[in-house]
């Protein structure tokens, strides 16, 4: 016996294929939407984490900038303190310089030399005075050149016969001189010696 299928099986198969196709498209769209949603959430979390890091770094940079300003202020204060300390040390040194100068001149000035004026300008000292003879002035130059550890570079600027006062004996005429000396900077900072009294020597 022969069976003949009169149902539209081709249309039915096409309908099943279309349903499967649309179902696949729907699943693909749903899967894509899920993936996009997951990716969006992940991007949002990464962006939030990045914003958190940026905020943290901004805060730390602000702290570092304040610390740098504090360090700069501290360095300025240290420099100011150093400058004041140096000024005080210089004043201390300069305060001892006249004592050292008078003491050294008292030791190096030979008998027969009378110092009338001592003028200091920085490291240079200008002396003027009278001497019983030119040899006494030469002796003062030698003493400063070879015996002094605090004075150096003696230079005789002028020497001449001092004016004779009325009523003075002709044989008692003095030599009038002026001399320039230099104070050794390496010796200025040394402690000043005790000087009981400084006076020009005479014979």
C-alpha atoms as a PDB file:
ATOM      1  CA  UNK A   1       0.000   0.000   0.000  1.00  0.00           C
ATOM      2  CA  UNK A   2       1.417   3.395  -0.980  1.00  0.00           C
ATOM      3  CA  UNK A   3       1.251   6.336   1.528  1.00  0.00           C
ATOM      4  CA  UNK A   4       1.132   9.835   0.157  1.00  0.00           C
ATOM      5  CA  UNK A   5       1.864  12.815   2.485  1.00  0.00           C
ATOM      6  CA  UNK A   6      -0.348  15.624   1.377  1.00  0.00           C
ATOM      7  CA  UNK A   7       0.753  18.034   4.257  1.00  0.00           C
ATOM      8  CA  UNK A   8       2.910  21.147   3.345  1.00  0.00           C
ATOM      9  CA  UNK A   9       6.079  19.767   4.895  1.00  0.00           C
ATOM     10  CA  UNK A  10       8.322  22.172   3.057  1.00  0.00           C
ATOM     11  CA  UNK A  11       6.576  25.196   4.544  1.00  0.00           C
ATOM     12  CA  UNK A  12       6.690  23.593   7.969  1.00  0.00           C
ATOM     13  CA  UNK A  13      10.427  22.985   7.725  1.00  0.00           C
ATOM     14  CA  UNK A  14      10.990  26.547   6.480  1.00  0.00           C
ATOM     15  CA  UNK A  15       8.941  27.856   9.401  1.00  0.00           C
ATOM     16  CA  UNK A  16      11.023  25.849  11.884  1.00  0.00           C
ATOM     17  CA  UNK A  17      14.235  27.131  10.285  1.00  0.00           C
ATOM     18  CA  UNK A  18      13.022  30.736  10.505  1.00  0.00           C
ATOM     19  CA  UNK A  19      12.048  30.254  14.151  1.00  0.00           C
ATOM     20  CA  UNK A  20      15.484  28.808  14.903  1.00  0.00           C
ATOM     21  CA  UNK A  21      17.119  31.700  13.036  1.00  0.00           C
ATOM     22  CA  UNK A  22      15.171  34.338  14.933  1.00  0.00           C
ATOM     23  CA  UNK A  23      15.854  32.543  18.191  1.00  0.00           C
ATOM     24  CA  UNK A  24      19.577  32.567  17.372  1.00  0.00           C
ATOM     25  CA  UNK A  25      19.452  36.264  16.558  1.00  0.00           C
ATOM     26  CA  UNK A  26      17.599  36.940  19.805  1.00  0.00           C
ATOM     27  CA  UNK A  27      20.142  34.951  21.792  1.00  0.00           C
ATOM     28  CA  UNK A  28      22.986  36.756  20.036  1.00  0.00           C
ATOM     29  CA  UNK A  29      21.452  40.146  20.774  1.00  0.00           C
ATOM     30  CA  UNK A  30      20.850  39.161  24.396  1.00  0.00           C
ATOM     31  CA  UNK A  31      24.396  37.843  24.730  1.00  0.00           C
ATOM     32  CA  UNK A  32      25.737  41.033  23.128  1.00  0.00           C
ATOM     33  CA  UNK A  33      23.672  43.153  25.491  1.00  0.00           C
ATOM     34  CA  UNK A  34      24.940  41.191  28.486  1.00  0.00           C
ATOM     35  CA  UNK A  35      28.524  41.501  27.288  1.00  0.00           C
ATOM     36  CA  UNK A  36      28.073  45.228  26.646  1.00  0.00           C
ATOM     37  CA  UNK A  37      26.532  45.678  30.098  1.00  0.00           C
ATOM     38  CA  UNK A  38      29.362  43.762  31.756  1.00  0.00           C
ATOM     39  CA  UNK A  39      31.922  45.791  29.808  1.00  0.00           C
ATOM     40  CA  UNK A  40      30.195  49.055  30.703  1.00  0.00           C
ATOM     41  CA  UNK A  41      30.165  48.101  34.373  1.00  0.00           C
ATOM     42  CA  UNK A  42      33.838  47.091  34.200  1.00  0.00           C
ATOM     43  CA  UNK A  43      34.736  50.363  32.489  1.00  0.00           C
ATOM     44  CA  UNK A  44      32.814  52.290  35.154  1.00  0.00           C
ATOM     45  CA  UNK A  45      34.677  50.457  37.901  1.00  0.00           C
ATOM     46  CA  UNK A  46      38.039  51.076  36.196  1.00  0.00           C
ATOM     47  CA  UNK A  47      37.171  54.750  35.702  1.00  0.00           C
ATOM     48  CA  UNK A  48      36.140  55.029  39.360  1.00  0.00           C
ATOM     49  CA  UNK A  49      39.383  53.361  40.433  1.00  0.00           C
ATOM     50  CA  UNK A  50      41.357  55.705  38.168  1.00  0.00           C
ATOM     51  CA  UNK A  51      39.523  58.715  39.573  1.00  0.00           C
ATOM     52  CA  UNK A  52      40.332  57.453  43.049  1.00  0.00           C
ATOM     53  CA  UNK A  53      44.009  57.141  42.166  1.00  0.00           C
ATOM     54  CA  UNK A  54      43.981  60.629  40.612  1.00  0.00           C
ATOM     55  CA  UNK A  55      42.367  62.046  43.735  1.00  0.00           C
ATOM     56  CA  UNK A  56      44.926  60.273  45.920  1.00  0.00           C
ATOM     57  CA  UNK A  57      47.811  61.517  43.783  1.00  0.00           C
ATOM     58  CA  UNK A  58      46.397  65.052  43.767  1.00  0.00           C
ATOM     59  CA  UNK A  59      46.171  64.969  47.555  1.00  0.00           C
ATOM     60  CA  UNK A  60      49.720  63.632  47.865  1.00  0.00           C
ATOM     61  CA  UNK A  61      51.019  66.235  45.415  1.00  0.00           C
ATOM     62  CA  UNK A  62      49.371  68.947  47.488  1.00  0.00           C
ATOM     63  CA  UNK A  63      51.006  67.541  50.631  1.00  0.00           C
ATOM     64  CA  UNK A  64      54.391  67.399  48.881  1.00  0.00           C
ATOM     65  CA  UNK A  65      54.013  70.968  47.620  1.00  0.00           C
ATOM     66  CA  UNK A  66      53.279  72.161  51.157  1.00  0.00           C
ATOM     67  CA  UNK A  67      56.284  70.223  52.423  1.00  0.00           C
ATOM     68  CA  UNK A  68      58.469  71.729  49.673  1.00  0.00           C
ATOM     69  CA  UNK A  69      57.288  75.205  50.673  1.00  0.00           C
ATOM     70  CA  UNK A  70      58.037  74.383  54.305  1.00  0.00           C
ATOM     71  CA  UNK A  71      61.505  73.136  53.331  1.00  0.00           C
ATOM     72  CA  UNK A  72      62.130  76.263  51.261  1.00  0.00           C
ATOM     73  CA  UNK A  73      61.053  78.420  54.200  1.00  0.00           C
ATOM     74  CA  UNK A  74      63.252  76.367  56.518  1.00  0.00           C
ATOM     75  CA  UNK A  75      66.211  76.736  54.157  1.00  0.00           C
ATOM     76  CA  UNK A  76      65.630  80.487  54.031  1.00  0.00           C
ATOM     77  CA  UNK A  77      65.539  80.588  57.834  1.00  0.00           C
ATOM     78  CA  UNK A  78      68.741  78.529  57.992  1.00  0.00           C
ATOM     79  CA  UNK A  79      70.452  80.878  55.523  1.00  0.00           C
ATOM     80  CA  UNK A  80      69.313  83.879  57.544  1.00  0.00           C
ATOM     81  CA  UNK A  81      70.610  82.284  60.741  1.00  0.00           C
ATOM     82  CA  UNK A  82      73.939  81.508  59.063  1.00  0.00           C
ATOM     83  CA  UNK A  83      74.190  85.098  57.849  1.00  0.00           C
ATOM     84  CA  UNK A  84      73.456  86.422  61.343  1.00  0.00           C
ATOM     85  CA  UNK A  85      75.956  83.985  62.841  1.00  0.00           C
ATOM     86  CA  UNK A  86      78.621  85.102  60.365  1.00  0.00           C
ATOM     87  CA  UNK A  87      77.850  88.736  61.135  1.00  0.00           C
ATOM     88  CA  UNK A  88      78.249  88.051  64.858  1.00  0.00           C
ATOM     89  CA  UNK A  89      81.503  86.168  64.239  1.00  0.00           C
ATOM     90  CA  UNK A  90      82.801  89.010  62.077  1.00  0.00           C
ATOM     91  CA  UNK A  91      81.897  91.513  64.776  1.00  0.00           C
ATOM     92  CA  UNK A  92      83.659  89.357  67.359  1.00  0.00           C
ATOM     93  CA  UNK A  93      86.745  89.165  65.165  1.00  0.00           C
ATOM     94  CA  UNK A  94      86.701  92.887  64.444  1.00  0.00           C
ATOM     95  CA  UNK A  95      86.294  93.614  68.135  1.00  0.00           C
ATOM     96  CA  UNK A  96      89.491  91.695  68.898  1.00  0.00           C
ATOM     97  CA  UNK A  97      91.443  93.203  66.008  1.00  0.00           C
ATOM     98  CA  UNK A  98      92.368  96.555  67.660  1.00  0.00           C
ATOM     99  CA  UNK A  99      93.629  94.738  70.759  1.00  0.00           C
ATOM    100  CA  UNK A 100      95.746  92.390  68.660  1.00  0.00           C
ATOM    101  CA  UNK A 101      96.981  95.274  66.528  1.00  0.00           C
ATOM    102  CA  UNK A 102      98.082  97.403  69.491  1.00  0.00           C
ATOM    103  CA  UNK A 103      99.703  94.414  71.188  1.00  0.00           C
ATOM    104  CA  UNK A 104     101.610  93.439  68.051  1.00  0.00           C
ATOM    105  CA  UNK A 105     102.769  97.013  67.427  1.00  0.00           C
ATOM    106  CA  UNK A 106     103.933  97.279  71.031  1.00  0.00           C
ATOM    107  CA  UNK A 107     106.053  94.132  70.549  1.00  0.00           C
ATOM    108  CA  UNK A 108     107.520  95.094  67.184  1.00  0.00           C
ATOM    109  CA  UNK A 109     108.163  98.809  67.760  1.00  0.00           C
ATOM    110  CA  UNK A 110     111.834  99.326  68.743  1.00  0.00           C
ATOM    111  CA  UNK A 111     113.112 101.829  71.274  1.00  0.00           C
ATOM    112  CA  UNK A 112     113.387 105.309  69.903  1.00  0.00           C
ATOM    113  CA  UNK A 113     110.233 105.080  67.754  1.00  0.00           C
ATOM    114  CA  UNK A 114     107.144 107.057  68.783  1.00  0.00           C
ATOM    115  CA  UNK A 115     103.831 106.207  67.115  1.00  0.00           C
ATOM    116  CA  UNK A 116     101.585 109.247  66.827  1.00  0.00           C
ATOM    117  CA  UNK A 117      98.751 107.869  64.667  1.00  0.00           C
ATOM    118  CA  UNK A 118      97.364 104.413  63.926  1.00  0.00           C
ATOM    119  CA  UNK A 119      94.578 104.161  61.346  1.00  0.00           C
ATOM    120  CA  UNK A 120      93.035 100.853  60.259  1.00  0.00           C
ATOM    121  CA  UNK A 121      90.983 100.427  57.078  1.00  0.00           C
ATOM    122  CA  UNK A 122      90.005  96.809  56.564  1.00  0.00           C
ATOM    123  CA  UNK A 123      93.201  94.773  56.520  1.00  0.00           C
ATOM    124  CA  UNK A 124      95.454  97.781  55.988  1.00  0.00           C
ATOM    125  CA  UNK A 125      97.005  99.850  58.763  1.00  0.00           C
ATOM    126  CA  UNK A 126      98.555 103.282  58.289  1.00  0.00           C
ATOM    127  CA  UNK A 127     101.132 104.323  60.886  1.00  0.00           C
ATOM    128  CA  UNK A 128     102.702 107.702  61.395  1.00  0.00           C
ATOM    129  CA  UNK A 129     105.168 108.775  64.034  1.00  0.00           C
ATOM    130  CA  UNK A 130     108.593 110.050  64.932  1.00  0.00           C
ATOM    131  CA  UNK A 131     111.881 108.193  65.283  1.00  0.00           C
ATOM    132  CA  UNK A 132     115.213 109.189  66.722  1.00  0.00           C
ATOM    133  CA  UNK A 133     116.898 108.153  63.495  1.00  0.00           C
ATOM    134  CA  UNK A 134     116.299 106.507  60.122  1.00  0.00           C
ATOM    135  CA  UNK A 135     117.892 103.346  61.515  1.00  0.00           C
ATOM    136  CA  UNK A 136     115.066 103.060  64.063  1.00  0.00           C
ATOM    137  CA  UNK A 137     112.521 103.155  61.250  1.00  0.00           C
ATOM    138  CA  UNK A 138     114.473 100.492  59.357  1.00  0.00           C
ATOM    139  CA  UNK A 139     114.490  98.334  62.484  1.00  0.00           C
ATOM    140  CA  UNK A 140     110.691  98.638  62.720  1.00  0.00           C
ATOM    141  CA  UNK A 141     110.411  97.530  59.080  1.00  0.00           C
ATOM    142  CA  UNK A 142     112.665  94.530  59.738  1.00  0.00           C
ATOM    143  CA  UNK A 143     110.738  93.535  62.871  1.00  0.00           C
ATOM    144  CA  UNK A 144     107.434  93.522  61.015  1.00  0.00           C
ATOM    145  CA  UNK A 145     108.906  91.670  58.027  1.00  0.00           C
ATOM    146  CA  UNK A 146     110.701  88.884  59.908  1.00  0.00           C
ATOM    147  CA  UNK A 147     109.399  88.718  63.475  1.00  0.00           C
ATOM    148  CA  UNK A 148     105.673  89.412  63.265  1.00  0.00           C
ATOM    149  CA  UNK A 149     103.212  86.560  62.741  1.00  0.00           C
ATOM    150  CA  UNK A 150     100.269  88.956  62.569  1.00  0.00           C
ATOM    151  CA  UNK A 151     101.496  91.822  60.399  1.00  0.00           C
ATOM    152  CA  UNK A 152     103.056  91.681  56.962  1.00  0.00           C
ATOM    153  CA  UNK A 153     104.106  93.668  53.889  1.00  0.00           C
ATOM    154  CA  UNK A 154     105.487  96.785  55.630  1.00  0.00           C
ATOM    155  CA  UNK A 155     105.852  99.676  53.222  1.00  0.00           C
ATOM    156  CA  UNK A 156     107.560 102.937  54.084  1.00  0.00           C
ATOM    157  CA  UNK A 157     105.548 105.722  52.491  1.00  0.00           C
ATOM    158  CA  UNK A 158     107.498 108.758  53.620  1.00  0.00           C
ATOM    159  CA  UNK A 159     110.338 109.736  55.918  1.00  0.00           C
ATOM    160  CA  UNK A 160     111.603 113.242  56.481  1.00  0.00           C
ATOM    161  CA  UNK A 161     113.110 115.436  59.128  1.00  0.00           C
ATOM    162  CA  UNK A 162     110.500 116.554  61.620  1.00  0.00           C
ATOM    163  CA  UNK A 163     110.120 120.293  62.174  1.00  0.00           C
ATOM    164  CA  UNK A 164     112.174 121.535  65.127  1.00  0.00           C
ATOM    165  CA  UNK A 165     110.225 123.202  67.871  1.00  0.00           C
ATOM    166  CA  UNK A 166     111.512 126.591  69.040  1.00  0.00           C
ATOM    167  CA  UNK A 167     114.111 126.241  71.758  1.00  0.00           C
ATOM    168  CA  UNK A 168     114.949 122.624  70.814  1.00  0.00           C
ATOM    169  CA  UNK A 169     118.591 121.630  70.477  1.00  0.00           C
ATOM    170  CA  UNK A 170     119.697 121.020  66.868  1.00  0.00           C
ATOM    171  CA  UNK A 171     121.107 117.604  67.723  1.00  0.00           C
ATOM    172  CA  UNK A 172     117.707 116.377  68.972  1.00  0.00           C
ATOM    173  CA  UNK A 173     115.941 116.503  65.623  1.00  0.00           C
ATOM    174  CA  UNK A 174     113.612 113.551  64.888  1.00  0.00           C
ATOM    175  CA  UNK A 175     112.677 111.712  61.714  1.00  0.00           C
ATOM    176  CA  UNK A 176     108.996 111.926  60.781  1.00  0.00           C
ATOM    177  CA  UNK A 177     107.683 108.855  58.952  1.00  0.00           C
ATOM    178  CA  UNK A 178     104.550 107.200  57.666  1.00  0.00           C
ATOM    179  CA  UNK A 179     104.232 103.475  56.985  1.00  0.00           C
ATOM    180  CA  UNK A 180     101.624 101.052  55.669  1.00  0.00           C
ATOM    181  CA  UNK A 181     101.148  97.512  57.047  1.00  0.00           C
ATOM    182  CA  UNK A 182      98.826  94.641  56.165  1.00  0.00           C
ATOM    183  CA  UNK A 183      97.082  92.401  58.714  1.00  0.00           C
ATOM    184  CA  UNK A 184      97.193  88.697  57.911  1.00  0.00           C
ATOM    185  CA  UNK A 185      93.608  87.488  57.487  1.00  0.00           C
ATOM    186  CA  UNK A 186      94.559  83.987  58.649  1.00  0.00           C
ATOM    187  CA  UNK A 187      95.582  85.459  62.005  1.00  0.00           C
ATOM    188  CA  UNK A 188      92.603  87.706  62.643  1.00  0.00           C
ATOM    189  CA  UNK A 189      90.395  84.871  63.909  1.00  0.00           C
ATOM    190  CA  UNK A 190      92.945  83.844  66.545  1.00  0.00           C
ATOM    191  CA  UNK A 191      92.143  84.800  70.161  1.00  0.00           C
ATOM    192  CA  UNK A 192      93.426  88.205  71.142  1.00  0.00           C
ATOM    193  CA  UNK A 193      96.203  88.164  73.743  1.00  0.00           C
ATOM    194  CA  UNK A 194      95.848  90.004  76.979  1.00  0.00           C
ATOM    195  CA  UNK A 195      97.514  93.410  76.720  1.00  0.00           C
ATOM    196  CA  UNK A 196      97.974  95.293  79.933  1.00  0.00           C
ATOM    197  CA  UNK A 197      98.920  98.591  78.358  1.00  0.00           C
ATOM    198  CA  UNK A 198     100.167  99.665  74.956  1.00  0.00           C
ATOM    199  CA  UNK A 199     102.336 102.744  74.566  1.00  0.00           C
ATOM    200  CA  UNK A 200     104.909 103.890  72.052  1.00  0.00           C
ATOM    201  CA  UNK A 201     108.427 103.163  73.182  1.00  0.00           C
ATOM    202  CA  UNK A 202     111.149 105.716  73.575  1.00  0.00           C
ATOM    203  CA  UNK A 203     114.783 105.542  74.448  1.00  0.00           C
END
